[in-house]
Protein backbone atom coordinates (compact mmCIF):
# COMPACT_ATOMS: atom_id res chain seq x y z
CA MET A 1 6.69 1.80 -24.32
CA THR A 2 8.34 -1.20 -22.61
CA THR A 3 8.59 -4.59 -24.39
CA SER A 4 6.03 -6.16 -22.13
CA LYS A 5 3.43 -3.57 -23.13
CA ARG A 6 3.92 -4.47 -26.82
CA ARG A 7 3.68 -8.10 -26.36
CA SER A 8 0.34 -9.86 -26.68
CA MET A 9 1.23 -12.49 -24.12
CA PRO A 10 2.93 -12.20 -20.72
CA THR A 11 6.58 -13.16 -20.33
CA ARG A 12 7.66 -16.09 -18.03
CA ARG A 13 8.69 -13.39 -15.48
CA GLU A 14 5.39 -11.74 -15.68
CA LEU A 15 3.54 -15.03 -15.35
CA ASP A 16 5.66 -15.92 -12.38
CA ILE A 17 4.76 -12.58 -10.72
CA TRP A 18 1.11 -13.06 -11.51
CA ARG A 19 1.07 -16.64 -10.17
CA GLY A 20 2.93 -15.69 -6.95
CA TYR A 21 0.58 -12.75 -6.45
CA ILE A 22 -2.61 -14.80 -6.97
CA GLU A 23 -1.52 -17.80 -5.01
CA THR A 24 -0.26 -15.68 -2.13
CA TYR A 25 -3.33 -13.43 -2.16
CA ASP A 26 -5.59 -16.52 -1.97
CA ILE A 27 -3.64 -17.95 0.97
CA LEU A 28 -3.61 -14.58 2.76
CA ARG A 29 -7.40 -14.13 2.27
CA THR A 30 -7.98 -17.65 3.58
CA ARG A 31 -5.85 -17.17 6.67
CA VAL A 32 -7.36 -13.70 7.49
CA GLY A 33 -10.77 -15.18 6.86
CA ALA A 34 -10.16 -18.10 9.19
CA ARG A 35 -9.07 -15.81 11.98
CA LEU A 36 -12.16 -13.59 11.44
CA HIS A 37 -14.43 -16.69 11.77
CA GLN A 38 -12.52 -18.09 14.66
CA ASP A 39 -12.56 -14.71 16.52
CA SER A 40 -16.10 -13.53 15.64
CA GLU A 41 -17.99 -16.26 13.86
CA LEU A 42 -18.38 -14.00 10.80
CA SER A 43 -17.45 -15.08 7.28
CA ASN A 44 -15.58 -12.81 4.91
CA GLY A 45 -18.92 -12.21 3.13
CA ASP A 46 -20.64 -11.29 6.32
CA TYR A 47 -17.97 -8.82 7.15
CA ARG A 48 -18.15 -7.22 3.64
CA VAL A 49 -21.87 -6.77 4.02
CA LEU A 50 -21.67 -5.43 7.62
CA LEU A 51 -18.85 -3.02 6.72
CA ALA A 52 -20.83 -1.61 3.73
CA LEU A 53 -23.88 -1.20 5.86
CA SER A 54 -22.01 0.29 8.82
CA GLU A 55 -20.57 2.95 6.47
CA ALA A 56 -23.84 3.72 4.68
CA GLU A 57 -26.15 6.62 5.69
CA ASP A 58 -28.76 5.36 8.25
CA HIS A 59 -26.92 1.89 7.94
CA THR A 60 -29.29 1.11 5.08
CA LEU A 61 -28.58 0.36 1.38
CA ARG A 62 -30.78 -0.76 -1.49
CA SER A 63 -30.04 -4.44 -2.17
CA SER A 64 -28.91 -3.70 -5.72
CA THR A 65 -26.62 -0.86 -4.47
CA LEU A 66 -25.14 -3.21 -1.82
CA ALA A 67 -24.51 -5.96 -4.44
CA ALA A 68 -22.71 -3.43 -6.70
CA HIS A 69 -20.69 -1.97 -3.85
CA ILE A 70 -19.30 -5.29 -2.86
CA GLU A 71 -19.15 -6.52 -6.41
CA TRP A 72 -21.43 -9.64 -5.89
CA GLU A 73 -24.20 -10.84 -8.20
CA ARG A 74 -27.60 -9.95 -6.88
CA SER A 75 -28.51 -13.72 -6.57
CA ARG A 76 -25.41 -14.46 -4.43
CA LEU A 77 -26.15 -11.52 -2.21
CA SER A 78 -29.88 -12.50 -1.85
CA GLY A 79 -28.89 -15.94 -0.62
CA HIS A 80 -26.25 -14.58 1.76
CA LEU A 81 -28.61 -11.94 3.11
CA GLY A 82 -31.19 -14.63 3.89
CA ARG A 83 -28.68 -16.46 6.03
CA MET A 84 -27.60 -13.17 7.69
CA GLU A 85 -31.27 -12.41 8.45
CA LYS A 86 -31.73 -15.75 10.13
CA ARG A 87 -28.91 -14.89 12.40
CA GLY A 88 -30.39 -11.43 13.19
CA LEU A 89 -27.48 -9.47 11.60
CA VAL A 90 -29.55 -7.62 8.95
CA ARG A 91 -33.19 -7.27 7.94
CA ARG A 92 -34.68 -6.51 4.56
CA GLU A 93 -37.58 -4.07 4.15
CA PRO A 94 -39.53 -3.05 1.15
CA CYS A 95 -38.10 -0.11 -0.81
CA VAL A 96 -40.40 2.92 -0.49
CA GLU A 97 -39.28 4.26 -4.01
CA ASP A 98 -39.52 1.03 -5.83
CA ALA A 99 -41.79 -1.83 -4.78
CA ARG A 100 -39.71 -4.34 -6.69
CA GLY A 101 -36.58 -3.48 -4.69
CA SER A 102 -35.66 -3.89 -1.13
CA GLN A 103 -33.62 -2.13 1.48
CA VAL A 104 -31.02 -3.95 3.58
CA VAL A 105 -30.80 -2.61 7.13
CA LEU A 106 -27.99 -3.21 9.65
CA THR A 107 -29.71 -4.52 12.88
CA GLU A 108 -28.44 -3.79 16.31
CA GLU A 109 -27.30 -7.33 16.54
CA GLY A 110 -25.43 -6.89 13.32
CA ALA A 111 -23.75 -3.68 14.52
CA ARG A 112 -22.65 -5.35 17.72
CA ALA A 113 -21.15 -8.31 15.85
CA PHE A 114 -19.38 -5.91 13.46
CA ARG A 115 -18.08 -3.82 16.28
CA ALA A 116 -16.92 -6.95 18.21
CA SER A 117 -15.16 -8.30 15.18
CA THR A 118 -13.27 -5.26 14.15
CA VAL A 119 -10.37 -5.17 16.66
CA PRO A 120 -9.55 -8.92 16.28
CA HIS A 121 -9.93 -8.59 12.49
CA LEU A 122 -7.48 -5.64 12.35
CA GLN A 123 -5.08 -7.45 14.60
CA ALA A 124 -5.09 -10.44 12.20
CA ILE A 125 -4.51 -8.07 9.22
CA LYS A 126 -1.60 -6.57 11.05
CA GLU A 127 -0.07 -9.93 12.11
CA ILE A 128 -0.58 -11.83 8.87
CA PHE A 129 -0.13 -8.98 6.35
CA VAL A 130 1.34 -5.74 7.54
CA ASP A 131 4.07 -7.24 9.72
CA ALA A 132 5.54 -9.01 6.61
CA PHE A 133 6.76 -5.81 5.15
CA THR A 134 8.96 -2.85 5.93
CA ASP A 135 7.53 0.64 5.70
CA GLU A 136 9.23 1.05 2.34
CA GLN A 137 7.82 -2.07 0.97
CA LEU A 138 4.25 -1.10 2.11
CA ASP A 139 4.81 2.19 0.27
CA VAL A 140 5.73 0.28 -2.95
CA LEU A 141 2.72 -2.04 -2.47
CA GLY A 142 0.43 0.84 -2.03
CA GLU A 143 1.72 2.44 -5.20
CA ALA A 144 1.25 -0.70 -7.06
CA THR A 145 -2.24 -1.14 -5.70
CA THR A 146 -3.06 2.45 -6.64
CA ALA A 147 -1.81 1.76 -10.23
CA LEU A 148 -3.73 -1.53 -10.51
CA ARG A 149 -6.94 0.07 -9.24
CA ALA A 150 -6.55 2.97 -11.74
CA HIS A 151 -5.95 0.54 -14.53
CA LEU A 152 -9.14 -1.32 -13.57
CA GLY A 153 -11.08 1.90 -13.38
CA LEU A 154 -11.70 1.60 -9.63
CA PRO A 155 -11.62 4.47 -7.19
CA PRO A 156 -8.64 4.92 -4.97
CA ILE A 157 -8.91 3.23 -1.53
CA GLY A 158 -9.83 5.75 1.19
CA GLY A 159 -10.70 8.44 -1.26
CA GLY A 160 -13.70 10.29 0.38
CA SER A 161 -14.26 7.57 2.94
CA PRO A 162 -15.58 9.06 6.19
CA ARG A 163 -13.65 6.40 8.14
CA PRO A 164 -10.73 5.08 6.21
CA GLU A 165 -9.45 3.29 9.21
CA ASN A 166 -12.42 0.79 8.79
CA ARG A 167 -11.75 0.12 5.09
CA THR A 168 -10.74 -3.50 5.64
CA SER A 169 -13.37 -5.06 3.39
CA GLU A 170 -11.15 -7.55 1.76
CA ALA A 171 -11.01 -9.46 5.01
């Protein structure tokens, strides 16, 4: 066991790495999100919802399932879906199995907006994120991400995804 694993508090080095990671991640996410909005008028939240629905069977998910999938509180999702409905991107329908629940359905307009946003969004990810690294650095980053996801009890990225090339939900 390494010294850092036995300590109850992070070292200065570990805190510096944490801070660098978090601050850089926030800036990265902001820049990619700004490009997404500039190119497609979709927010990061819109894209996450549309991605999840585009990958779902029949492009439909229960509202509670969608909230869990994108790790949002149900109240946050409800308000966001209301705004997306007004723009014609999704619609909510009563759930046949449970009258208290609702189904969220990707509309044709939502599917069109998602398709139109995909290429510019992927180009922004390539330019802002991928191009910063060598292939070897990307491999190390992938290994670190896999380790972190396992530590957090999250499934591996791309595991079982029917279309892993569209797994860009972190906008």
